[in-house]
Amino acid sequence: MKIIEIAPLHKNAGRMTGYLHDQYPQSLPGRVCRPCVLVLPGGAYQFVSERESDPIAFKFLSHGYHAFILDYSVGGEGKPAVGLQALSEVAEALAIIRQHAEEWGIIPNQIAVCGFSAGGHLAASSGILWKDAELQEERGGKKPERPDAMLLCYPVITPGEFAHRGSFDNLTGGDERLLRYFKLEKRVDADTAPAFVWHTVEDPAVPVENSLLLADALQRAKVPFECHLFNHGGHGLSLCNEEVGTPEPRSAPWMDLAIAWLDDRFAFRP
């Protein structure tokens, strides 16, 4: 396995760590190139959750995917609001992965983002707002970068009635224009990336209505998606096991379901 570190990504911020399978073109010619997943941990845009970082990346790695983790910019605690900074870092991360696709053995049109909670909002933003003019201006006019699929885990979606206020405070600083900009259920269109979404009905932090609003918007725009709701479980579950300190066996099947969906999207047979 090869480990890479790349920083900064945009305006001297953001760090990406990659875990790449070794390439054996003689003995494993069918695995010279693989799809990959860019993991965006949660943390209310205030920190980057460890339980949603390496454990998730290693799970995808064990299934044959290359895996990357983005330690993106956050706000709060005296830091300025994130604004478009973190989203620009995701776009730069996708661009870097595609630029190095041949060198790293990555299939350039099989790159998924996997986000949790506020990281789910960031992942969804990258697949919904990818061609937005303001984002492209923030990136200095570079070409748009859309993920090829989104895996959204108990995602923050709306700043409306069912908002996780802390996430939007750290993201927007209360700026009404940014709140409208990041109201993702109103920004979905036919060019939005296909999505796998899961949530627990009991989530006390990010109401399940966030995923329901997104699912409705995806359906209206005729964007391919799959949505799973689990009756039991709190927030920040990650893999739902003892390893990450959140054992919840009734919600744990989400990962197998997500991998099966992504395998199907990418026609990947590990």
Protein backbone atom coordinates (compact mmCIF):
# COMPACT_ATOMS: atom_id res chain seq x y z
CA MET A 1 0.00 0.00 0.00
CA LYS A 2 1.18 3.51 -0.84
CA ILE A 3 0.31 6.47 1.41
CA ILE A 4 0.36 10.00 0.05
CA GLU A 5 -0.09 13.39 1.71
CA ILE A 6 -0.98 16.53 -0.21
CA ALA A 7 -1.34 20.00 1.33
CA PRO A 8 -2.41 22.71 0.97
CA LEU A 9 -5.29 22.36 -1.46
CA HIS A 10 -6.77 25.86 -1.74
CA LYS A 11 -5.61 29.21 -0.31
CA ASN A 12 -2.99 27.49 1.87
CA ALA A 13 -5.54 25.24 3.60
CA GLY A 14 -6.83 21.68 3.43
CA ARG A 15 -4.92 18.41 3.60
CA MET A 16 -5.60 15.18 1.72
CA THR A 17 -4.31 11.75 2.72
CA GLY A 18 -4.53 8.89 0.26
CA TYR A 19 -4.29 5.13 0.69
CA LEU A 20 -3.49 3.44 -2.60
CA HIS A 21 -3.37 -0.25 -3.43
CA ASP A 22 -0.12 -1.49 -4.87
CA GLN A 23 -0.19 -2.18 -8.61
CA TYR A 24 0.81 -5.61 -9.92
CA PRO A 25 0.30 -5.41 -13.70
CA GLN A 26 1.75 -8.88 -14.31
CA SER A 27 -0.05 -10.91 -11.64
CA LEU A 28 -3.15 -8.72 -11.26
CA PRO A 29 -3.66 -7.06 -14.65
CA GLY A 30 -7.36 -6.52 -13.94
CA ARG A 31 -6.57 -4.38 -10.91
CA VAL A 32 -4.08 -1.89 -12.31
CA CYS A 33 -6.79 0.77 -12.11
CA ARG A 34 -9.51 0.97 -9.48
CA PRO A 35 -12.30 3.33 -8.44
CA CYS A 36 -11.76 5.47 -5.36
CA VAL A 37 -13.66 7.18 -2.56
CA LEU A 38 -12.90 10.59 -1.04
CA VAL A 39 -14.01 10.57 2.60
CA LEU A 40 -15.32 13.78 4.19
CA PRO A 41 -15.74 13.29 7.96
CA GLY A 42 -18.32 15.19 9.98
CA GLY A 43 -17.90 17.61 12.86
CA ALA A 44 -20.43 20.46 12.41
CA TYR A 45 -17.89 22.40 10.29
CA GLN A 46 -16.03 22.92 13.60
CA PHE A 47 -13.72 19.88 13.64
CA VAL A 48 -13.03 16.78 11.56
CA SER A 49 -14.25 13.59 13.24
CA GLU A 50 -11.66 10.85 13.68
CA ARG A 51 -14.24 8.06 13.88
CA GLU A 52 -15.42 9.01 10.39
CA SER A 53 -11.92 9.22 8.90
CA ASP A 54 -9.52 6.24 8.85
CA PRO A 55 -12.10 3.57 9.85
CA ILE A 56 -14.21 4.50 6.83
CA ALA A 57 -11.27 4.79 4.45
CA PHE A 58 -9.91 1.39 5.53
CA LYS A 59 -13.32 -0.21 4.99
CA PHE A 60 -13.39 0.96 1.38
CA LEU A 61 -9.74 0.00 0.99
CA SER A 62 -10.52 -3.54 2.18
CA HIS A 63 -13.19 -3.78 -0.50
CA GLY A 64 -10.73 -2.97 -3.28
CA TYR A 65 -11.21 0.79 -3.60
CA HIS A 66 -8.49 3.39 -3.31
CA ALA A 67 -9.39 5.73 -0.45
CA PHE A 68 -8.65 9.37 0.36
CA ILE A 69 -9.50 11.48 3.40
CA LEU A 70 -9.90 15.24 3.25
CA ASP A 71 -9.05 17.26 6.35
CA TYR A 72 -10.96 20.34 5.22
CA SER A 73 -11.21 23.86 6.64
CA VAL A 74 -13.56 24.41 9.58
CA GLY A 75 -14.89 27.43 11.49
CA GLY A 76 -16.10 28.31 14.96
CA GLU A 77 -14.17 28.98 18.17
CA GLY A 78 -12.76 32.27 16.93
CA LYS A 79 -12.23 31.09 13.36
CA PRO A 80 -14.02 32.83 10.47
CA ALA A 81 -17.02 31.20 8.81
CA VAL A 82 -16.03 28.51 6.32
CA GLY A 83 -18.00 29.92 3.38
CA LEU A 84 -16.89 28.36 0.09
CA GLN A 85 -13.42 27.45 1.34
CA ALA A 86 -14.10 23.81 2.24
CA LEU A 87 -16.13 23.22 -0.91
CA SER A 88 -13.26 24.63 -2.98
CA GLU A 89 -10.91 22.22 -1.21
CA VAL A 90 -13.12 19.29 -2.21
CA ALA A 91 -13.07 20.46 -5.83
CA GLU A 92 -9.28 20.77 -5.72
CA ALA A 93 -9.00 17.31 -4.17
CA LEU A 94 -11.09 15.84 -7.00
CA ALA A 95 -8.99 17.69 -9.56
CA ILE A 96 -5.74 16.40 -8.07
CA ILE A 97 -7.03 12.82 -8.00
CA ARG A 98 -8.03 13.04 -11.65
CA GLN A 99 -4.75 14.68 -12.65
CA HIS A 100 -2.82 11.78 -11.08
CA ALA A 101 -5.29 9.06 -12.10
CA GLU A 102 -2.90 7.20 -14.41
CA GLU A 103 0.02 7.43 -11.98
CA TRP A 104 -2.06 6.30 -9.00
CA GLY A 105 -4.06 3.62 -10.81
CA ILE A 106 -7.42 5.38 -10.49
CA ILE A 107 -10.32 5.22 -12.92
CA PRO A 108 -10.91 8.97 -13.42
CA ASN A 109 -14.67 8.75 -13.95
CA GLN A 110 -15.22 6.50 -10.92
CA ILE A 111 -14.53 8.84 -8.03
CA ALA A 112 -17.09 9.02 -5.22
CA VAL A 113 -17.36 11.32 -2.22
CA CYS A 114 -18.52 9.87 1.11
CA GLY A 115 -19.59 12.43 3.70
CA PHE A 116 -20.93 12.28 7.26
CA SER A 117 -23.19 14.85 8.92
CA ALA A 118 -21.62 18.25 8.07
CA GLY A 119 -19.22 16.30 5.86
CA GLY A 120 -22.36 14.94 4.22
CA HIS A 121 -23.41 18.51 3.52
CA LEU A 122 -19.99 19.16 2.04
CA ALA A 123 -20.15 16.00 -0.08
CA ALA A 124 -23.66 16.85 -1.27
CA SER A 125 -22.55 20.41 -2.05
CA SER A 126 -19.74 19.05 -4.23
CA GLY A 127 -22.21 16.97 -6.22
CA ILE A 128 -24.93 19.64 -6.44
CA LEU A 129 -23.08 22.98 -6.67
CA TRP A 130 -20.14 21.72 -8.75
CA LYS A 131 -20.87 23.92 -11.79
CA ASP A 132 -21.93 27.03 -9.84
CA ALA A 133 -20.37 30.24 -11.16
CA GLU A 134 -19.51 31.56 -7.69
CA LEU A 135 -17.65 28.36 -6.85
CA GLN A 136 -15.70 28.55 -10.11
CA GLU A 137 -14.81 32.17 -9.39
CA GLU A 138 -13.60 31.15 -5.93
CA ARG A 139 -11.37 28.56 -7.62
CA GLY A 140 -9.89 31.08 -10.04
CA GLY A 141 -11.83 29.92 -13.07
CA LYS A 142 -10.64 26.32 -13.02
CA LYS A 143 -12.84 23.77 -14.76
CA PRO A 144 -15.73 22.32 -12.72
CA GLU A 145 -15.10 19.09 -10.82
CA ARG A 146 -18.09 16.86 -10.12
CA PRO A 147 -17.86 13.63 -8.13
CA ASP A 148 -19.20 10.62 -10.02
CA ALA A 149 -21.28 9.48 -7.04
CA MET A 150 -22.20 10.67 -3.53
CA LEU A 151 -22.51 8.56 -0.39
CA LEU A 152 -24.31 10.74 2.16
CA CYS A 153 -24.45 9.54 5.76
CA TYR A 154 -26.94 11.29 8.09
CA PRO A 155 -26.23 14.45 6.06
CA VAL A 156 -26.89 18.06 7.00
CA ILE A 157 -28.90 19.42 4.06
CA THR A 158 -31.18 22.30 4.96
CA PRO A 159 -30.76 25.58 6.89
CA GLY A 160 -34.55 25.73 7.20
CA GLU A 161 -36.93 24.29 9.79
CA PHE A 162 -34.95 21.08 10.29
CA ALA A 163 -31.47 22.62 10.32
CA HIS A 164 -28.52 21.60 12.42
CA ARG A 165 -27.89 25.20 13.46
CA GLY A 166 -24.32 24.71 14.65
CA SER A 167 -23.19 23.46 11.26
CA PHE A 168 -24.71 26.42 9.43
CA ASP A 169 -23.40 28.91 11.98
CA ASN A 170 -19.86 27.66 11.38
CA LEU A 171 -20.38 27.44 7.62
CA THR A 172 -22.07 30.78 6.99
CA GLY A 173 -21.62 32.91 10.13
CA GLY A 174 -25.33 33.73 9.81
CA ASP A 175 -24.92 35.35 6.39
CA GLU A 176 -28.36 35.15 4.76
CA ARG A 177 -26.94 34.99 1.25
CA LEU A 178 -24.76 32.01 2.14
CA LEU A 179 -27.65 30.33 3.91
CA ARG A 180 -29.64 30.52 0.68
CA TYR A 181 -26.62 29.39 -1.32
CA PHE A 182 -26.21 26.25 0.79
CA LYS A 183 -29.90 25.32 0.99
CA LEU A 184 -29.18 22.17 -0.93
CA GLU A 185 -32.70 20.83 -1.32
CA LYS A 186 -33.39 23.91 -3.47
CA ARG A 187 -30.21 23.57 -5.57
CA VAL A 188 -30.64 20.03 -6.91
CA ASP A 189 -30.99 19.75 -10.69
CA ALA A 190 -30.64 17.12 -13.40
CA ASP A 191 -26.83 17.48 -13.36
CA THR A 192 -26.55 16.50 -9.69
CA ALA A 193 -24.40 13.44 -9.02
CA PRO A 194 -26.17 10.13 -8.25
CA ALA A 195 -26.56 9.57 -4.52
CA PHE A 196 -26.78 6.93 -1.82
CA VAL A 197 -28.34 8.37 1.34
CA TRP A 198 -28.90 6.89 4.79
CA HIS A 199 -30.16 8.25 8.10
CA THR A 200 -31.71 7.07 11.36
CA VAL A 201 -35.24 8.14 12.20
CA GLU A 202 -34.21 8.75 15.82
CA ASP A 203 -31.27 11.05 15.00
CA PRO A 204 -31.39 13.72 17.75
CA ALA A 205 -28.87 16.09 16.16
CA VAL A 206 -29.59 16.18 12.42
CA PRO A 207 -33.30 15.45 11.88
CA VAL A 208 -34.13 12.73 9.38
CA GLU A 209 -36.12 15.33 7.42
CA ASN A 210 -32.77 16.49 6.01
CA SER A 211 -32.45 13.25 4.05
CA LEU A 212 -36.15 13.19 3.21
CA LEU A 213 -35.98 16.69 1.73
CA LEU A 214 -32.97 15.69 -0.35
CA ALA A 215 -34.59 12.46 -1.51
CA ASP A 216 -37.65 14.40 -2.64
CA ALA A 217 -35.48 16.88 -4.55
CA LEU A 218 -33.50 14.07 -6.21
CA GLN A 219 -36.69 12.32 -7.24
CA ARG A 220 -38.16 15.51 -8.72
CA ALA A 221 -34.96 16.13 -10.71
CA LYS A 222 -34.87 12.49 -11.84
CA VAL A 223 -31.41 11.97 -10.35
CA PRO A 224 -30.62 8.29 -9.61
CA PHE A 225 -30.53 7.68 -5.86
CA GLU A 226 -31.05 5.11 -3.14
CA CYS A 227 -32.23 6.05 0.35
CA HIS A 228 -32.22 3.90 3.50
CA LEU A 229 -33.85 4.91 6.79
CA PHE A 230 -33.12 2.92 9.93
CA ASN A 231 -35.56 3.14 12.81
CA HIS A 232 -33.03 3.09 15.65
CA GLY A 233 -29.74 4.85 16.31
CA GLY A 234 -28.37 8.25 17.22
CA HIS A 235 -26.00 10.56 15.39
CA GLY A 236 -22.36 10.21 14.37
CA LEU A 237 -22.58 6.43 14.10
CA SER A 238 -19.81 5.94 11.53
CA LEU A 239 -19.47 2.16 11.07
CA CYS A 240 -21.96 1.44 13.89
CA ASN A 241 -19.57 -0.92 15.67
CA GLU A 242 -17.35 -1.23 18.75
CA GLU A 243 -14.25 -0.10 16.85
CA VAL A 244 -15.61 3.43 16.55
CA GLY A 245 -17.42 3.41 19.90
CA THR A 246 -20.95 3.48 18.47
CA PRO A 247 -22.28 -0.10 18.39
CA GLU A 248 -25.64 -0.06 16.62
CA PRO A 249 -26.12 -3.39 14.86
CA ARG A 250 -29.53 -2.45 13.45
CA SER A 251 -28.00 0.40 11.42
CA ALA A 252 -24.68 -1.30 10.66
CA PRO A 253 -25.87 -2.77 7.32
CA TRP A 254 -25.58 0.70 5.77
CA MET A 255 -21.97 0.13 4.78
CA ASP A 256 -22.62 -3.12 2.91
CA LEU A 257 -25.59 -1.49 1.20
CA ALA A 258 -23.51 1.54 0.22
CA ILE A 259 -20.68 -0.58 -1.16
CA ALA A 260 -23.15 -2.71 -3.13
CA TRP A 261 -24.74 0.43 -4.59
CA LEU A 262 -21.35 1.89 -5.50
CA ASP A 263 -20.15 -1.40 -7.00
CA ASP A 264 -23.23 -1.36 -9.18
CA ARG A 265 -22.77 2.30 -10.23
CA PHE A 266 -19.15 1.68 -11.18
CA ALA A 267 -19.63 -1.90 -12.47
CA PHE A 268 -16.84 -2.85 -10.04
CA ARG A 269 -16.42 -6.51 -9.17
CA PRO A 270 -13.88 -6.86 -6.35
